[in-house]
Amino acid sequence: METSVKTETKISEALKEMRAKARALLDSVLGFRDCPAAVLDELAEQGELRHIAKGEFIQHQGDPTTHVIMVVTGLLEGSLVRQ
């Protein structure tokens, strides 16, 4: 049982760290940096944190845009295929 609590604590701390990084990033992004602090705090808190595997698609050409994607850590590669 103690191991489970330690694991949950580590996960919770990691999530807090990622949300803090996301919040800091919002402060520097054009279009967000002039928003009130409370709005940016809420965006960072309510945003969905996801791990994207190498090679995984997050958006396909022609798909409707329904959300904003922000890369907090790592790199994102984009490509456009013209037909």
Protein backbone atom coordinates (compact mmCIF):
# COMPACT_ATOMS: atom_id res chain seq x y z
CA MET A 1 0.00 0.00 0.00
CA GLU A 2 2.86 2.39 0.82
CA THR A 3 4.38 1.94 -2.66
CA SER A 4 1.05 2.92 -4.21
CA VAL A 5 0.94 6.13 -2.17
CA LYS A 6 4.51 6.99 -3.17
CA THR A 7 3.68 6.36 -6.82
CA GLU A 8 0.57 8.54 -6.63
CA THR A 9 2.59 11.29 -4.96
CA LYS A 10 5.23 11.16 -7.70
CA ILE A 11 2.54 11.31 -10.40
CA SER A 12 0.85 14.22 -8.66
CA GLU A 13 4.14 16.11 -8.39
CA ALA A 14 4.93 15.43 -12.06
CA LEU A 15 1.50 16.75 -13.11
CA LYS A 16 1.98 19.88 -11.01
CA GLU A 17 5.37 20.42 -12.64
CA MET A 18 3.93 20.01 -16.15
CA ARG A 19 1.06 22.41 -15.38
CA ALA A 20 3.58 24.94 -14.02
CA LYS A 21 5.60 24.62 -17.24
CA ALA A 22 2.43 25.04 -19.31
CA ARG A 23 1.49 28.13 -17.29
CA ALA A 24 4.94 29.65 -17.80
CA LEU A 25 4.74 28.91 -21.53
CA LEU A 26 1.36 30.65 -21.78
CA ASP A 27 2.99 33.78 -20.37
CA SER A 28 5.32 33.91 -23.37
CA VAL A 29 3.00 32.95 -26.23
CA LEU A 30 1.73 35.75 -28.45
CA GLY A 31 -2.04 35.86 -28.14
CA PHE A 32 -2.00 34.58 -24.56
CA ARG A 33 0.60 36.71 -22.82
CA ASP A 34 -1.75 39.70 -22.57
CA CYS A 35 -4.53 37.65 -20.97
CA PRO A 36 -5.31 38.18 -17.29
CA ALA A 37 -3.31 35.94 -14.95
CA ALA A 38 -6.50 34.27 -13.68
CA VAL A 39 -7.41 33.20 -17.22
CA LEU A 40 -3.96 31.72 -17.85
CA ASP A 41 -4.06 29.96 -14.49
CA GLU A 42 -7.40 28.38 -15.42
CA LEU A 43 -6.17 27.33 -18.87
CA ALA A 44 -3.11 25.65 -17.36
CA GLU A 45 -5.21 23.95 -14.69
CA GLN A 46 -8.00 22.73 -16.96
CA GLY A 47 -5.91 21.79 -19.97
CA GLU A 48 -5.55 18.12 -20.85
CA LEU A 49 -2.04 16.80 -20.38
CA ARG A 50 -1.13 14.04 -22.82
CA HIS A 51 1.93 12.08 -23.77
CA ILE A 52 2.19 11.78 -27.53
CA ALA A 53 4.14 8.77 -28.78
CA LYS A 54 6.69 9.13 -31.55
CA GLY A 55 4.88 8.78 -34.87
CA GLU A 56 1.45 9.43 -33.36
CA PHE A 57 -0.78 11.83 -35.30
CA ILE A 58 -2.52 14.56 -33.37
CA GLN A 59 -4.24 16.27 -36.31
CA HIS A 60 -4.84 15.35 -39.92
CA GLN A 61 -5.17 17.76 -42.80
CA GLY A 62 -8.82 18.69 -43.24
CA ASP A 63 -9.83 17.77 -39.69
CA PRO A 64 -11.79 20.52 -37.96
CA THR A 65 -9.78 22.41 -35.37
CA THR A 66 -11.41 21.89 -32.01
CA HIS A 67 -8.62 22.71 -29.58
CA VAL A 68 -5.29 24.41 -29.08
CA ILE A 69 -2.20 22.21 -28.87
CA MET A 70 0.72 23.36 -26.79
CA VAL A 71 3.94 21.36 -26.59
CA VAL A 72 5.24 21.75 -23.05
CA THR A 73 8.25 19.47 -23.37
CA GLY A 74 9.77 17.73 -26.36
CA LEU A 75 9.42 18.39 -30.06
CA LEU A 76 6.57 18.25 -32.52
CA GLU A 77 7.12 17.60 -36.22
CA GLY A 78 4.61 18.84 -38.72
CA SER A 79 4.22 18.15 -42.40
CA LEU A 80 1.84 19.16 -45.14
CA VAL A 81 1.15 16.90 -48.07
CA ARG A 82 -0.13 18.62 -51.20
CA GLN A 83 -2.22 16.58 -53.58
